[in-house]
Amino acid sequence: MKSLYIHVPFCKAKCGYCDFVSYPEGLDLIDKYLIALEREMQLYRGMKLSTIFIGGGTPSLLSVTQLDKLIKLIKNNFDLTSLLEFTLEANPESLTLEKIAKLNIVNRFSLGLQAFDNNILKKIGRLHTFERFQQVFAYLSDCQKDINIDLIVGFKDYPYFLRELNMFLKNEGHKITHLSLYMLDNYSTAEDQVETYLESVRIIKNYGFLHYEISNFAKKGKECKHNLVYWNRGEYLGLGPSACSFLKERRYKNANKLADYFNGKQEVEELSNEQVELEKKMLNMRLLDKGIPYQKKYDFWIQKGYLKTKVKNVVLTDLGIPFFNQIFLEL
């Protein structure tokens, strides 16, 4: 069985911190995109799937009719008899009750909250308010969907983030199955950001979440099955502009630009043995219960408190996570 990722590259506004391929213009091309997506799906017709993840961009930006067509395309082209998890990324301003009802096959929603404060949300270019998030969050909770919340730690002029995080989890944490916490500026090591990050981790764990991957926390048994396929180097199919596939140790990447994607442009990468081993090492380090085999040279990082031993391996500590890039380059 394989996993399927579908990239929906459309959004209403491009957030300043977003590195993903997305286009705030060209919304009139969504129907053409769906036609191209169908053509691409037909190349893999009958493939048996265990997980599906629709990301973006903003998948929830699609209309009810467009979302209905997308779901029908998936059902018509793939074998879903053993499907375990179906995730859709959504922004609060564009997810409605009508869309949720049409997406009944989706059992897991990932909501881009990012911050609790409306002034911060506006400053970073988000189009929703915290009140709108609460409304959509209640819809999904009432529908008994698994819910992931995306948050960003490290915004300037946001000294009460920790207080709001604690209050939110105290009131609503029992309704959330998963939480993703990202550090601004790609794991900035500024001292105040690191302290805020470490306290955020402590608060999240205090409400029953397991820290299982650098940026991800889950209630027991609710780890993201789809992303675990990536981190364990399982096979996956990626459809849509900029999407990557990993099949039989080959990586395929679709063109970023819509025009090139519509013309079927794709790159193929053959991984060398050195690339494979480096990738395995990096991914194993990201998984906090896995790590890499212990070597004497790692003692320096263990003594600093950035790594710790686990059976015969070393894994990152909470303190080491903000310094992951630096540590990895020297391992």
C-alpha atoms as a PDB file:
ATOM      1  CA  MET A   1       0.000   0.000   0.000  1.00  0.00           C
ATOM      2  CA  LYS A   2       1.054   3.560  -0.657  1.00  0.00           C
ATOM      3  CA  SER A   3       0.290   6.993   0.750  1.00  0.00           C
ATOM      4  CA  LEU A   4      -1.065   9.834  -1.374  1.00  0.00           C
ATOM      5  CA  TYR A   5      -0.314  13.536  -1.058  1.00  0.00           C
ATOM      6  CA  ILE A   6      -2.261  16.063  -3.143  1.00  0.00           C
ATOM      7  CA  HIS A   7      -1.014  19.638  -3.321  1.00  0.00           C
ATOM      8  CA  VAL A   8      -3.650  22.337  -3.773  1.00  0.00           C
ATOM      9  CA  PRO A   9      -1.546  25.419  -4.589  1.00  0.00           C
ATOM     10  CA  PHE A  10      -4.199  28.112  -4.247  1.00  0.00           C
ATOM     11  CA  CYS A  11      -4.672  30.613  -1.442  1.00  0.00           C
ATOM     12  CA  LYS A  12      -6.293  34.013  -0.951  1.00  0.00           C
ATOM     13  CA  ALA A  13      -3.157  35.631   0.448  1.00  0.00           C
ATOM     14  CA  LYS A  14       0.470  34.520   0.798  1.00  0.00           C
ATOM     15  CA  CYS A  15       1.679  34.579   4.413  1.00  0.00           C
ATOM     16  CA  GLY A  16       5.158  36.041   4.841  1.00  0.00           C
ATOM     17  CA  TYR A  17       6.538  33.006   6.683  1.00  0.00           C
ATOM     18  CA  CYS A  18       5.210  30.420   4.174  1.00  0.00           C
ATOM     19  CA  ASP A  19       7.774  28.562   2.047  1.00  0.00           C
ATOM     20  CA  PHE A  20       5.290  26.257   0.313  1.00  0.00           C
ATOM     21  CA  VAL A  21       4.337  26.667  -3.335  1.00  0.00           C
ATOM     22  CA  SER A  22       1.093  28.630  -3.338  1.00  0.00           C
ATOM     23  CA  TYR A  23      -0.509  31.225  -5.562  1.00  0.00           C
ATOM     24  CA  PRO A  24      -2.835  33.966  -4.281  1.00  0.00           C
ATOM     25  CA  GLU A  25      -3.595  34.786  -7.890  1.00  0.00           C
ATOM     26  CA  GLY A  26      -5.018  32.373 -10.460  1.00  0.00           C
ATOM     27  CA  LEU A  27      -8.082  31.194  -8.540  1.00  0.00           C
ATOM     28  CA  ASP A  28      -9.852  31.060 -11.899  1.00  0.00           C
ATOM     29  CA  LEU A  29      -7.528  28.156 -12.762  1.00  0.00           C
ATOM     30  CA  ILE A  30      -8.841  25.789 -10.077  1.00  0.00           C
ATOM     31  CA  ASP A  31     -11.134  23.935 -12.483  1.00  0.00           C
ATOM     32  CA  LYS A  32      -8.281  23.551 -14.984  1.00  0.00           C
ATOM     33  CA  TYR A  33      -6.105  22.300 -12.120  1.00  0.00           C
ATOM     34  CA  LEU A  34      -8.693  19.629 -11.268  1.00  0.00           C
ATOM     35  CA  ILE A  35      -8.705  18.448 -14.890  1.00  0.00           C
ATOM     36  CA  ALA A  36      -4.910  18.150 -14.844  1.00  0.00           C
ATOM     37  CA  LEU A  37      -5.077  16.380 -11.491  1.00  0.00           C
ATOM     38  CA  GLU A  38      -7.531  13.833 -12.891  1.00  0.00           C
ATOM     39  CA  ARG A  39      -5.196  13.165 -15.820  1.00  0.00           C
ATOM     40  CA  GLU A  40      -2.342  12.601 -13.377  1.00  0.00           C
ATOM     41  CA  MET A  41      -4.427  10.322 -11.139  1.00  0.00           C
ATOM     42  CA  GLN A  42      -5.326   8.089 -14.070  1.00  0.00           C
ATOM     43  CA  LEU A  43      -1.655   7.157 -14.435  1.00  0.00           C
ATOM     44  CA  TYR A  44      -1.908   5.393 -11.052  1.00  0.00           C
ATOM     45  CA  ARG A  45      -5.458   4.088 -11.318  1.00  0.00           C
ATOM     46  CA  GLY A  46      -6.190   1.261  -8.875  1.00  0.00           C
ATOM     47  CA  MET A  47      -3.305   2.024  -6.509  1.00  0.00           C
ATOM     48  CA  LYS A  48      -4.192   0.873  -2.988  1.00  0.00           C
ATOM     49  CA  LEU A  49      -3.852   3.617  -0.388  1.00  0.00           C
ATOM     50  CA  SER A  50      -3.388   3.558   3.370  1.00  0.00           C
ATOM     51  CA  THR A  51      -3.301   7.330   3.957  1.00  0.00           C
ATOM     52  CA  ILE A  52      -4.244  10.506   2.079  1.00  0.00           C
ATOM     53  CA  PHE A  53      -3.149  14.053   2.873  1.00  0.00           C
ATOM     54  CA  ILE A  54      -4.477  17.066   0.966  1.00  0.00           C
ATOM     55  CA  GLY A  55      -2.286  20.094   1.667  1.00  0.00           C
ATOM     56  CA  GLY A  56      -1.468  23.449   0.216  1.00  0.00           C
ATOM     57  CA  GLY A  57      -1.912  26.282  -0.250  1.00  0.00           C
ATOM     58  CA  THR A  58      -5.397  26.261   1.187  1.00  0.00           C
ATOM     59  CA  PRO A  59      -7.442  23.196   0.171  1.00  0.00           C
ATOM     60  CA  SER A  60     -10.484  24.515   2.052  1.00  0.00           C
ATOM     61  CA  LEU A  61     -10.512  27.486  -0.340  1.00  0.00           C
ATOM     62  CA  LEU A  62     -12.075  25.259  -3.001  1.00  0.00           C
ATOM     63  CA  SER A  63     -15.831  25.611  -3.395  1.00  0.00           C
ATOM     64  CA  VAL A  64     -18.224  22.900  -2.236  1.00  0.00           C
ATOM     65  CA  THR A  65     -18.614  21.775  -5.856  1.00  0.00           C
ATOM     66  CA  GLN A  66     -14.854  21.690  -6.415  1.00  0.00           C
ATOM     67  CA  LEU A  67     -14.213  19.773  -3.203  1.00  0.00           C
ATOM     68  CA  ASP A  68     -16.932  17.308  -4.176  1.00  0.00           C
ATOM     69  CA  LYS A  69     -15.247  16.774  -7.538  1.00  0.00           C
ATOM     70  CA  LEU A  70     -11.847  16.288  -5.892  1.00  0.00           C
ATOM     71  CA  ILE A  71     -13.211  13.621  -3.543  1.00  0.00           C
ATOM     72  CA  LYS A  72     -14.961  11.831  -6.412  1.00  0.00           C
ATOM     73  CA  LEU A  73     -11.718  11.834  -8.426  1.00  0.00           C
ATOM     74  CA  ILE A  74      -9.919  10.173  -5.525  1.00  0.00           C
ATOM     75  CA  LYS A  75     -12.673   7.578  -5.043  1.00  0.00           C
ATOM     76  CA  ASN A  76     -12.835   6.804  -8.773  1.00  0.00           C
ATOM     77  CA  ASN A  77      -9.105   6.348  -9.275  1.00  0.00           C
ATOM     78  CA  PHE A  78      -7.783   4.712  -6.121  1.00  0.00           C
ATOM     79  CA  ASP A  79      -8.497   1.681  -3.957  1.00  0.00           C
ATOM     80  CA  LEU A  80      -9.597   3.024  -0.568  1.00  0.00           C
ATOM     81  CA  THR A  81     -10.686  -0.264   0.995  1.00  0.00           C
ATOM     82  CA  SER A  82      -7.766  -0.180   3.463  1.00  0.00           C
ATOM     83  CA  LEU A  83      -7.651   3.570   4.027  1.00  0.00           C
ATOM     84  CA  LEU A  84      -6.661   4.377   7.620  1.00  0.00           C
ATOM     85  CA  GLU A  85      -6.366   8.155   7.617  1.00  0.00           C
ATOM     86  CA  PHE A  86      -7.557  11.006   5.385  1.00  0.00           C
ATOM     87  CA  THR A  87      -6.286  14.473   6.325  1.00  0.00           C
ATOM     88  CA  LEU A  88      -7.253  17.825   4.846  1.00  0.00           C
ATOM     89  CA  GLU A  89      -5.480  21.085   5.672  1.00  0.00           C
ATOM     90  CA  ALA A  90      -7.860  23.975   6.236  1.00  0.00           C
ATOM     91  CA  ASN A  91      -7.871  27.616   7.178  1.00  0.00           C
ATOM     92  CA  PRO A  92     -10.648  28.765   9.499  1.00  0.00           C
ATOM     93  CA  GLU A  93     -11.913  31.550   7.229  1.00  0.00           C
ATOM     94  CA  SER A  94     -12.695  29.178   4.339  1.00  0.00           C
ATOM     95  CA  LEU A  95     -13.929  26.020   6.074  1.00  0.00           C
ATOM     96  CA  THR A  96     -17.710  25.899   6.447  1.00  0.00           C
ATOM     97  CA  LEU A  97     -20.260  23.440   7.788  1.00  0.00           C
ATOM     98  CA  GLU A  98     -21.391  22.707   4.232  1.00  0.00           C
ATOM     99  CA  LYS A  99     -17.846  21.843   3.184  1.00  0.00           C
ATOM    100  CA  ILE A 100     -17.294  19.656   6.256  1.00  0.00           C
ATOM    101  CA  ALA A 101     -20.465  17.743   5.418  1.00  0.00           C
ATOM    102  CA  LYS A 102     -19.295  17.204   1.837  1.00  0.00           C
ATOM    103  CA  LEU A 103     -15.941  15.963   3.175  1.00  0.00           C
ATOM    104  CA  ASN A 104     -17.419  13.162   5.263  1.00  0.00           C
ATOM    105  CA  ILE A 105     -14.707  10.733   4.105  1.00  0.00           C
ATOM    106  CA  VAL A 106     -12.066  13.006   5.666  1.00  0.00           C
ATOM    107  CA  ASN A 107     -11.484  11.848   9.250  1.00  0.00           C
ATOM    108  CA  ARG A 108      -8.701  14.267  10.172  1.00  0.00           C
ATOM    109  CA  PHE A 109      -8.521  18.039   9.726  1.00  0.00           C
ATOM    110  CA  SER A 110      -5.410  20.155  10.198  1.00  0.00           C
ATOM    111  CA  LEU A 111      -6.344  23.726  11.138  1.00  0.00           C
ATOM    112  CA  GLY A 112      -3.884  26.576  10.628  1.00  0.00           C
ATOM    113  CA  LEU A 113      -4.423  28.582  13.814  1.00  0.00           C
ATOM    114  CA  GLN A 114      -0.805  29.875  14.245  1.00  0.00           C
ATOM    115  CA  ALA A 115      -1.639  32.338  17.072  1.00  0.00           C
ATOM    116  CA  PHE A 116      -4.432  33.161  19.521  1.00  0.00           C
ATOM    117  CA  ASP A 117      -4.216  36.950  19.288  1.00  0.00           C
ATOM    118  CA  ASN A 118      -6.091  38.763  16.506  1.00  0.00           C
ATOM    119  CA  ASN A 119      -3.487  41.524  16.231  1.00  0.00           C
ATOM    120  CA  ILE A 120      -0.731  38.956  15.696  1.00  0.00           C
ATOM    121  CA  LEU A 121      -2.857  37.056  13.179  1.00  0.00           C
ATOM    122  CA  LYS A 122      -3.439  40.241  11.196  1.00  0.00           C
ATOM    123  CA  LYS A 123       0.224  41.206  11.401  1.00  0.00           C
ATOM    124  CA  ILE A 124       1.386  37.907   9.883  1.00  0.00           C
ATOM    125  CA  GLY A 125      -1.189  38.028   7.097  1.00  0.00           C
ATOM    126  CA  ARG A 126      -3.716  35.495   8.350  1.00  0.00           C
ATOM    127  CA  LEU A 127      -7.288  36.088   7.196  1.00  0.00           C
ATOM    128  CA  HIS A 128      -9.117  34.588  10.166  1.00  0.00           C
ATOM    129  CA  THR A 129      -9.756  35.755  13.699  1.00  0.00           C
ATOM    130  CA  PHE A 130      -9.445  33.614  16.789  1.00  0.00           C
ATOM    131  CA  GLU A 131     -13.236  33.809  17.142  1.00  0.00           C
ATOM    132  CA  ARG A 132     -13.675  32.349  13.654  1.00  0.00           C
ATOM    133  CA  PHE A 133     -11.221  29.583  14.524  1.00  0.00           C
ATOM    134  CA  GLN A 134     -13.262  28.743  17.631  1.00  0.00           C
ATOM    135  CA  GLN A 135     -16.408  28.464  15.524  1.00  0.00           C
ATOM    136  CA  VAL A 136     -14.838  26.086  12.995  1.00  0.00           C
ATOM    137  CA  PHE A 137     -13.108  24.147  15.762  1.00  0.00           C
ATOM    138  CA  ALA A 138     -16.529  23.582  17.381  1.00  0.00           C
ATOM    139  CA  TYR A 139     -17.962  22.370  14.040  1.00  0.00           C
ATOM    140  CA  LEU A 140     -15.219  19.757  13.670  1.00  0.00           C
ATOM    141  CA  SER A 141     -15.416  18.693  17.293  1.00  0.00           C
ATOM    142  CA  ASP A 142     -19.179  18.191  17.023  1.00  0.00           C
ATOM    143  CA  CYS A 143     -18.566  16.049  13.923  1.00  0.00           C
ATOM    144  CA  GLN A 144     -16.128  13.917  15.965  1.00  0.00           C
ATOM    145  CA  LYS A 145     -13.219  14.529  13.605  1.00  0.00           C
ATOM    146  CA  ASP A 146      -9.592  14.166  14.625  1.00  0.00           C
ATOM    147  CA  ILE A 147      -8.155  17.674  14.812  1.00  0.00           C
ATOM    148  CA  ASN A 148      -4.599  18.921  14.445  1.00  0.00           C
ATOM    149  CA  ILE A 149      -3.766  22.510  15.355  1.00  0.00           C
ATOM    150  CA  ASP A 150      -0.806  24.347  13.800  1.00  0.00           C
ATOM    151  CA  LEU A 151       0.902  26.935  16.026  1.00  0.00           C
ATOM    152  CA  ILE A 152       3.983  29.112  15.577  1.00  0.00           C
ATOM    153  CA  VAL A 153       6.205  30.111  18.485  1.00  0.00           C
ATOM    154  CA  GLY A 154       8.592  33.043  18.336  1.00  0.00           C
ATOM    155  CA  PHE A 155       6.577  36.056  17.215  1.00  0.00           C
ATOM    156  CA  LYS A 156       7.903  39.364  18.513  1.00  0.00           C
ATOM    157  CA  ASP A 157       5.591  41.503  20.671  1.00  0.00           C
ATOM    158  CA  TYR A 158       3.645  38.426  21.806  1.00  0.00           C
ATOM    159  CA  PRO A 159       4.706  38.014  25.458  1.00  0.00           C
ATOM    160  CA  TYR A 160       1.444  36.357  26.528  1.00  0.00           C
ATOM    161  CA  PHE A 161       1.591  33.442  24.050  1.00  0.00           C
ATOM    162  CA  LEU A 162       2.383  30.956  26.814  1.00  0.00           C
ATOM    163  CA  ARG A 163      -0.518  32.092  28.965  1.00  0.00           C
ATOM    164  CA  GLU A 164      -2.921  31.821  26.022  1.00  0.00           C
ATOM    165  CA  LEU A 165      -1.553  28.402  25.023  1.00  0.00           C
ATOM    166  CA  ASN A 166      -2.081  27.094  28.540  1.00  0.00           C
ATOM    167  CA  MET A 167      -5.602  28.513  28.750  1.00  0.00           C
ATOM    168  CA  PHE A 168      -6.556  27.118  25.341  1.00  0.00           C
ATOM    169  CA  LEU A 169      -5.328  23.613  26.154  1.00  0.00           C
ATOM    170  CA  LYS A 170      -6.950  23.750  29.579  1.00  0.00           C
ATOM    171  CA  ASN A 171     -10.331  24.498  27.983  1.00  0.00           C
ATOM    172  CA  GLU A 172     -10.088  22.688  24.645  1.00  0.00           C
ATOM    173  CA  GLY A 173      -7.128  20.304  24.826  1.00  0.00           C
ATOM    174  CA  HIS A 174      -9.373  17.271  25.298  1.00  0.00           C
ATOM    175  CA  LYS A 175     -10.894  17.911  21.841  1.00  0.00           C
ATOM    176  CA  ILE A 176      -7.521  17.998  20.039  1.00  0.00           C
ATOM    177  CA  THR A 177      -5.770  14.813  18.941  1.00  0.00           C
ATOM    178  CA  HIS A 178      -2.622  16.384  17.493  1.00  0.00           C
ATOM    179  CA  LEU A 179      -0.643  19.621  17.678  1.00  0.00           C
ATOM    180  CA  SER A 180       2.159  20.922  15.450  1.00  0.00           C
ATOM    181  CA  LEU A 181       4.469  23.573  16.908  1.00  0.00           C
ATOM    182  CA  TYR A 182       6.856  25.433  14.626  1.00  0.00           C
ATOM    183  CA  MET A 183       9.601  27.862  15.552  1.00  0.00           C
ATOM    184  CA  LEU A 184       9.687  31.046  13.518  1.00  0.00           C
ATOM    185  CA  ASP A 185      12.696  31.707  11.268  1.00  0.00           C
ATOM    186  CA  ASN A 186      13.548  28.034  10.858  1.00  0.00           C
ATOM    187  CA  TYR A 187      14.457  27.147  14.430  1.00  0.00           C
ATOM    188  CA  SER A 188      15.974  30.469  15.410  1.00  0.00           C
ATOM    189  CA  THR A 189      18.254  30.051  18.421  1.00  0.00           C
ATOM    190  CA  ALA A 190      17.600  33.497  19.869  1.00  0.00           C
ATOM    191  CA  GLU A 191      17.572  32.972  23.622  1.00  0.00           C
ATOM    192  CA  ASP A 192      14.072  34.343  24.225  1.00  0.00           C
ATOM    193  CA  GLN A 193      12.623  32.151  21.452  1.00  0.00           C
ATOM    194  CA  VAL A 194      14.314  29.050  22.838  1.00  0.00           C
ATOM    195  CA  GLU A 195      12.946  29.726  26.330  1.00  0.00           C
ATOM    196  CA  THR A 196       9.445  30.276  24.962  1.00  0.00           C
ATOM    197  CA  TYR A 197       9.714  27.111  22.892  1.00  0.00           C
ATOM    198  CA  LEU A 198      10.852  24.985  25.845  1.00  0.00           C
ATOM    199  CA  GLU A 199       8.046  26.291  28.056  1.00  0.00           C
ATOM    200  CA  SER A 200       5.542  25.657  25.231  1.00  0.00           C
ATOM    201  CA  VAL A 201       6.714  22.039  25.014  1.00  0.00           C
ATOM    202  CA  ARG A 202       6.324  21.642  28.784  1.00  0.00           C
ATOM    203  CA  ILE A 203       2.764  23.028  28.679  1.00  0.00           C
ATOM    204  CA  ILE A 204       1.724  20.833  25.748  1.00  0.00           C
ATOM    205  CA  LYS A 205       3.110  17.684  27.358  1.00  0.00           C
ATOM    206  CA  ASN A 206       1.322  18.582  30.572  1.00  0.00           C
ATOM    207  CA  TYR A 207      -1.999  18.153  28.754  1.00  0.00           C
ATOM    208  CA  GLY A 208      -1.322  14.583  27.698  1.00  0.00           C
ATOM    209  CA  PHE A 209       0.425  15.033  24.352  1.00  0.00           C
ATOM    210  CA  LEU A 210       3.375  12.828  23.380  1.00  0.00           C
ATOM    211  CA  HIS A 211       6.249  14.691  21.705  1.00  0.00           C
ATOM    212  CA  TYR A 212       7.044  12.140  18.994  1.00  0.00           C
ATOM    213  CA  GLU A 213       8.692  14.244  16.253  1.00  0.00           C
ATOM    214  CA  ILE A 214      10.614  17.512  16.341  1.00  0.00           C
ATOM    215  CA  SER A 215       7.565  19.659  15.520  1.00  0.00           C
ATOM    216  CA  ASN A 216       4.718  17.295  16.379  1.00  0.00           C
ATOM    217  CA  PHE A 217       2.759  16.191  19.441  1.00  0.00           C
ATOM    218  CA  ALA A 218      -0.081  13.672  19.619  1.00  0.00           C
ATOM    219  CA  LYS A 219      -2.450  12.005  22.010  1.00  0.00           C
ATOM    220  CA  LYS A 220      -1.678   8.294  22.387  1.00  0.00           C
ATOM    221  CA  GLY A 221      -2.365   6.461  19.128  1.00  0.00           C
ATOM    222  CA  LYS A 222      -3.122   9.678  17.232  1.00  0.00           C
ATOM    223  CA  GLU A 223       0.253  10.298  15.604  1.00  0.00           C
ATOM    224  CA  CYS A 224      -0.087  11.405  11.977  1.00  0.00           C
ATOM    225  CA  LYS A 225       0.089   8.127  10.066  1.00  0.00           C
ATOM    226  CA  HIS A 226       0.688   9.893   6.770  1.00  0.00           C
ATOM    227  CA  ASN A 227       3.660  11.925   7.955  1.00  0.00           C
ATOM    228  CA  LEU A 228       5.132   8.852   9.641  1.00  0.00           C
ATOM    229  CA  VAL A 229       5.354   7.338   6.160  1.00  0.00           C
ATOM    230  CA  TYR A 230       7.615  10.256   5.142  1.00  0.00           C
ATOM    231  CA  TRP A 231       9.739  10.083   8.273  1.00  0.00           C
ATOM    232  CA  ASN A 232      10.178   6.304   7.967  1.00  0.00           C
ATOM    233  CA  ARG A 233      10.994   6.558   4.239  1.00  0.00           C
ATOM    234  CA  GLY A 234       7.916   4.673   3.136  1.00  0.00           C
ATOM    235  CA  GLU A 235       6.604   4.962  -0.407  1.00  0.00           C
ATOM    236  CA  TYR A 236       4.240   7.772  -1.309  1.00  0.00           C
ATOM    237  CA  LEU A 237       2.699   9.339  -4.378  1.00  0.00           C
ATOM    238  CA  GLY A 238       2.556  13.116  -4.741  1.00  0.00           C
ATOM    239  CA  LEU A 239       0.110  14.781  -7.135  1.00  0.00           C
ATOM    240  CA  GLY A 240      -0.330  18.427  -8.062  1.00  0.00           C
ATOM    241  CA  PRO A 241       2.138  21.288  -8.630  1.00  0.00           C
ATOM    242  CA  SER A 242       5.424  20.957  -6.663  1.00  0.00           C
ATOM    243  CA  ALA A 243       4.361  17.597  -5.191  1.00  0.00           C
ATOM    244  CA  CYS A 244       7.031  14.939  -4.680  1.00  0.00           C
ATOM    245  CA  SER A 245       6.732  11.169  -4.958  1.00  0.00           C
ATOM    246  CA  PHE A 246       9.048   8.549  -3.497  1.00  0.00           C
ATOM    247  CA  LEU A 247       8.714   5.216  -5.270  1.00  0.00           C
ATOM    248  CA  LYS A 248      11.298   2.411  -5.525  1.00  0.00           C
ATOM    249  CA  GLU A 249      14.081   4.639  -4.139  1.00  0.00           C
ATOM    250  CA  ARG A 250      13.438   7.266  -6.809  1.00  0.00           C
ATOM    251  CA  ARG A 251      12.158  10.763  -6.101  1.00  0.00           C
ATOM    252  CA  TYR A 252       9.859  12.442  -8.589  1.00  0.00           C
ATOM    253  CA  LYS A 253       9.031  16.139  -8.367  1.00  0.00           C
ATOM    254  CA  ASN A 254       6.285  17.920 -10.284  1.00  0.00           C
ATOM    255  CA  ALA A 255       6.891  21.396 -11.687  1.00  0.00           C
ATOM    256  CA  ASN A 256       6.130  24.324  -9.370  1.00  0.00           C
ATOM    257  CA  LYS A 257       4.564  26.652 -11.919  1.00  0.00           C
ATOM    258  CA  LEU A 258       0.968  25.942 -12.886  1.00  0.00           C
ATOM    259  CA  ALA A 259       1.653  26.278 -16.617  1.00  0.00           C
ATOM    260  CA  ASP A 260       4.512  23.760 -16.423  1.00  0.00           C
ATOM    261  CA  TYR A 261       2.428  21.396 -14.295  1.00  0.00           C
ATOM    262  CA  PHE A 262      -0.426  21.563 -16.799  1.00  0.00           C
ATOM    263  CA  ASN A 263       2.113  20.492 -19.453  1.00  0.00           C
ATOM    264  CA  GLY A 264       3.182  17.492 -17.362  1.00  0.00           C
ATOM    265  CA  LYS A 265       6.710  18.632 -16.507  1.00  0.00           C
ATOM    266  CA  GLN A 266       8.427  16.493 -13.878  1.00  0.00           C
ATOM    267  CA  GLU A 267      11.949  15.885 -12.586  1.00  0.00           C
ATOM    268  CA  VAL A 268      13.324  12.480 -11.557  1.00  0.00           C
ATOM    269  CA  GLU A 269      16.105  12.124  -8.991  1.00  0.00           C
ATOM    270  CA  GLU A 270      18.160   8.968  -8.503  1.00  0.00           C
ATOM    271  CA  LEU A 271      19.458   8.937  -4.941  1.00  0.00           C
ATOM    272  CA  SER A 272      23.074   7.934  -4.346  1.00  0.00           C
ATOM    273  CA  ASN A 273      23.960   5.606  -1.464  1.00  0.00           C
ATOM    274  CA  GLU A 274      25.456   8.600   0.355  1.00  0.00           C
ATOM    275  CA  GLN A 275      22.246  10.618  -0.083  1.00  0.00           C
ATOM    276  CA  VAL A 276      20.134   7.702   1.158  1.00  0.00           C
ATOM    277  CA  GLU A 277      22.228   7.261   4.314  1.00  0.00           C
ATOM    278  CA  LEU A 278      22.223  11.009   5.038  1.00  0.00           C
ATOM    279  CA  GLU A 279      18.465  11.155   4.555  1.00  0.00           C
ATOM    280  CA  LYS A 280      17.887   8.166   6.841  1.00  0.00           C
ATOM    281  CA  LYS A 281      20.052   9.781   9.510  1.00  0.00           C
ATOM    282  CA  MET A 282      18.204  13.103   9.306  1.00  0.00           C
ATOM    283  CA  LEU A 283      14.744  11.515   9.403  1.00  0.00           C
ATOM    284  CA  ASN A 284      15.649   9.163  12.260  1.00  0.00           C
ATOM    285  CA  MET A 285      16.901  12.145  14.260  1.00  0.00           C
ATOM    286  CA  ARG A 286      13.571  13.925  13.739  1.00  0.00           C
ATOM    287  CA  LEU A 287      11.741  10.970  15.319  1.00  0.00           C
ATOM    288  CA  LEU A 288      12.267  11.428  19.041  1.00  0.00           C
ATOM    289  CA  ASP A 289      11.733   7.773  19.963  1.00  0.00           C
ATOM    290  CA  LYS A 290      14.086   6.494  17.252  1.00  0.00           C
ATOM    291  CA  GLY A 291      17.329   8.447  16.857  1.00  0.00           C
ATOM    292  CA  ILE A 292      20.617   7.112  15.495  1.00  0.00           C
ATOM    293  CA  PRO A 293      23.174   4.596  16.826  1.00  0.00           C
ATOM    294  CA  TYR A 294      25.404   5.957  19.582  1.00  0.00           C
ATOM    295  CA  GLN A 295      28.988   6.906  18.772  1.00  0.00           C
ATOM    296  CA  LYS A 296      31.657   8.207  21.132  1.00  0.00           C
ATOM    297  CA  LYS A 297      31.849  11.534  19.279  1.00  0.00           C
ATOM    298  CA  TYR A 298      28.265  12.298  20.325  1.00  0.00           C
ATOM    299  CA  ASP A 299      29.333  12.663  23.974  1.00  0.00           C
ATOM    300  CA  PHE A 300      29.979  16.388  23.429  1.00  0.00           C
ATOM    301  CA  TRP A 301      26.296  16.966  22.621  1.00  0.00           C
ATOM    302  CA  ILE A 302      25.142  14.620  25.373  1.00  0.00           C
ATOM    303  CA  GLN A 303      27.147  16.608  27.941  1.00  0.00           C
ATOM    304  CA  LYS A 304      25.587  19.851  26.672  1.00  0.00           C
ATOM    305  CA  GLY A 305      22.163  18.301  27.231  1.00  0.00           C
ATOM    306  CA  TYR A 306      21.185  18.395  23.550  1.00  0.00           C
ATOM    307  CA  LEU A 307      21.241  14.625  23.052  1.00  0.00           C
ATOM    308  CA  LYS A 308      20.488  11.706  25.341  1.00  0.00           C
ATOM    309  CA  THR A 309      20.967   7.973  25.071  1.00  0.00           C
ATOM    310  CA  LYS A 310      18.013   5.678  24.492  1.00  0.00           C
ATOM    311  CA  VAL A 311      18.927   1.968  24.546  1.00  0.00           C
ATOM    312  CA  LYS A 312      21.759   1.856  21.945  1.00  0.00           C
ATOM    313  CA  ASN A 313      20.780   5.071  20.188  1.00  0.00           C
ATOM    314  CA  VAL A 314      20.984   8.802  20.813  1.00  0.00           C
ATOM    315  CA  VAL A 315      17.924  11.039  20.463  1.00  0.00           C
ATOM    316  CA  LEU A 316      17.343  14.763  20.657  1.00  0.00           C
ATOM    317  CA  THR A 317      16.293  16.318  23.956  1.00  0.00           C
ATOM    318  CA  ASP A 318      13.811  19.195  24.139  1.00  0.00           C
ATOM    319  CA  LEU A 319      16.779  21.515  24.677  1.00  0.00           C
ATOM    320  CA  GLY A 320      18.511  20.148  21.590  1.00  0.00           C
ATOM    321  CA  ILE A 321      15.586  20.556  19.183  1.00  0.00           C
ATOM    322  CA  PRO A 322      16.071  24.315  18.548  1.00  0.00           C
ATOM    323  CA  PHE A 323      19.684  23.512  17.627  1.00  0.00           C
ATOM    324  CA  PHE A 324      18.851  20.536  15.393  1.00  0.00           C
ATOM    325  CA  ASN A 325      20.327  21.990  12.199  1.00  0.00           C
ATOM    326  CA  GLN A 326      23.628  22.812  13.900  1.00  0.00           C
ATOM    327  CA  ILE A 327      23.820  19.437  15.641  1.00  0.00           C
ATOM    328  CA  PHE A 328      22.982  17.471  12.499  1.00  0.00           C
ATOM    329  CA  LEU A 329      25.709  19.167  10.453  1.00  0.00           C
ATOM    330  CA  GLU A 330      28.303  18.089  13.027  1.00  0.00           C
ATOM    331  CA  LEU A 331      27.148  14.519  13.676  1.00  0.00           C
END
